[in-house]
Amino acid sequence: MSYPKDHLETASAAANADRVWSEFMATLNLLAPEVRAAFLLHEVFEAGYDDIARLIGQPAQVCRGHVEYARAHAQVRMHALSPKAKAMSR
């Protein structure tokens, strides 16, 4: 793991991290509440679909669909932040 060498690198890294976090939060906020909950429960807390189903009151298969949709949605939105994607859009 490499660490920033000076204050400018540290400030730049912090700004980039803040930008990525803000975009991730905006991406999550575009999802319906039950889709967002299923996604976070599965991806962050490693909850199984049966547990998610009990928590949000929807069938496990529906919860699986929510997670798959949210994952695809997040990947598309977050891909746009990558340096390669930005270079291609110029």
Protein backbone atom coordinates (compact mmCIF):
# COMPACT_ATOMS: atom_id res chain seq x y z
CA MET A 1 0.00 0.00 0.00
CA SER A 2 1.42 3.40 -0.91
CA TYR A 3 0.75 6.55 1.04
CA PRO A 4 0.52 10.11 -0.30
CA LYS A 5 3.86 11.90 -0.38
CA ASP A 6 2.73 15.42 0.38
CA HIS A 7 -0.18 17.63 1.35
CA LEU A 8 -1.35 18.12 -2.26
CA GLU A 9 -1.57 14.37 -2.83
CA THR A 10 -3.43 13.97 0.47
CA ALA A 11 -5.90 16.73 -0.44
CA SER A 12 -6.39 15.27 -3.90
CA ALA A 13 -6.97 11.78 -2.51
CA ALA A 14 -9.47 13.13 0.01
CA ALA A 15 -11.31 15.06 -2.69
CA ASN A 16 -11.46 11.96 -4.89
CA ALA A 17 -12.70 9.81 -2.02
CA ASP A 18 -15.37 12.39 -1.21
CA ARG A 19 -16.46 12.56 -4.87
CA VAL A 20 -16.71 8.77 -5.11
CA TRP A 21 -18.63 8.57 -1.83
CA SER A 22 -21.05 11.29 -2.95
CA GLU A 23 -21.67 9.53 -6.26
CA PHE A 24 -22.21 6.21 -4.50
CA MET A 25 -24.74 7.79 -2.12
CA ALA A 26 -26.52 9.46 -5.04
CA THR A 27 -26.62 6.10 -6.81
CA LEU A 28 -28.16 4.44 -3.75
CA ASN A 29 -30.69 7.24 -3.36
CA LEU A 30 -31.98 6.62 -6.89
CA LEU A 31 -33.06 3.11 -5.86
CA ALA A 32 -36.44 2.34 -4.33
CA PRO A 33 -36.17 1.85 -0.55
CA GLU A 34 -36.78 -1.91 -0.66
CA VAL A 35 -34.21 -2.35 -3.45
CA ARG A 36 -31.66 -0.26 -1.57
CA ALA A 37 -32.29 -2.19 1.66
CA ALA A 38 -31.96 -5.58 -0.04
CA PHE A 39 -28.75 -4.51 -1.78
CA LEU A 40 -27.09 -3.15 1.35
CA LEU A 41 -28.19 -6.05 3.53
CA HIS A 42 -26.79 -8.54 1.02
CA GLU A 43 -23.64 -6.76 -0.12
CA VAL A 44 -22.54 -5.03 3.09
CA PHE A 45 -23.89 -7.30 5.81
CA GLU A 46 -23.79 -10.56 3.80
CA ALA A 47 -27.40 -11.36 4.69
CA GLY A 48 -28.99 -14.27 2.85
CA TYR A 49 -32.06 -13.80 0.69
CA ASP A 50 -34.33 -15.60 3.18
CA ASP A 51 -33.19 -13.25 5.95
CA ILE A 52 -33.65 -10.22 3.72
CA ALA A 53 -37.11 -11.45 2.77
CA ARG A 54 -38.13 -11.62 6.43
CA LEU A 55 -36.72 -8.16 7.12
CA ILE A 56 -38.34 -6.31 4.23
CA GLY A 57 -41.46 -8.45 3.87
CA GLN A 58 -41.00 -9.63 0.29
CA PRO A 59 -40.34 -13.10 -1.16
CA ALA A 60 -36.71 -14.24 -1.33
CA GLN A 61 -36.79 -14.39 -5.16
CA VAL A 62 -37.97 -10.79 -5.29
CA CYS A 63 -35.14 -9.83 -2.92
CA ARG A 64 -32.66 -11.61 -5.18
CA GLY A 65 -34.00 -9.57 -8.11
CA HIS A 66 -33.67 -6.37 -6.09
CA VAL A 67 -30.02 -7.15 -5.33
CA GLU A 68 -29.22 -8.03 -8.94
CA TYR A 69 -30.90 -4.86 -10.22
CA ALA A 70 -29.16 -2.65 -7.65
CA ARG A 71 -25.77 -4.24 -8.36
CA ALA A 72 -26.13 -3.64 -12.10
CA HIS A 73 -27.36 -0.09 -11.50
CA ALA A 74 -24.43 0.68 -9.18
CA GLN A 75 -21.87 -0.84 -11.53
CA VAL A 76 -23.03 1.29 -14.45
CA ARG A 77 -23.05 4.48 -12.38
CA MET A 78 -19.73 3.80 -10.69
CA HIS A 79 -18.05 2.74 -13.93
CA ALA A 80 -18.64 6.26 -15.20
CA LEU A 81 -16.30 7.50 -12.46
CA SER A 82 -13.34 5.42 -13.60
CA PRO A 83 -10.45 7.29 -15.21
CA LYS A 84 -10.71 5.04 -18.29
CA ALA A 85 -14.41 5.86 -18.78
CA LYS A 86 -13.72 9.59 -18.32
CA ALA A 87 -10.90 9.48 -20.90
CA MET A 88 -13.17 7.75 -23.41
CA SER A 89 -15.89 10.41 -23.01
CA ARG A 90 -13.53 13.27 -23.92
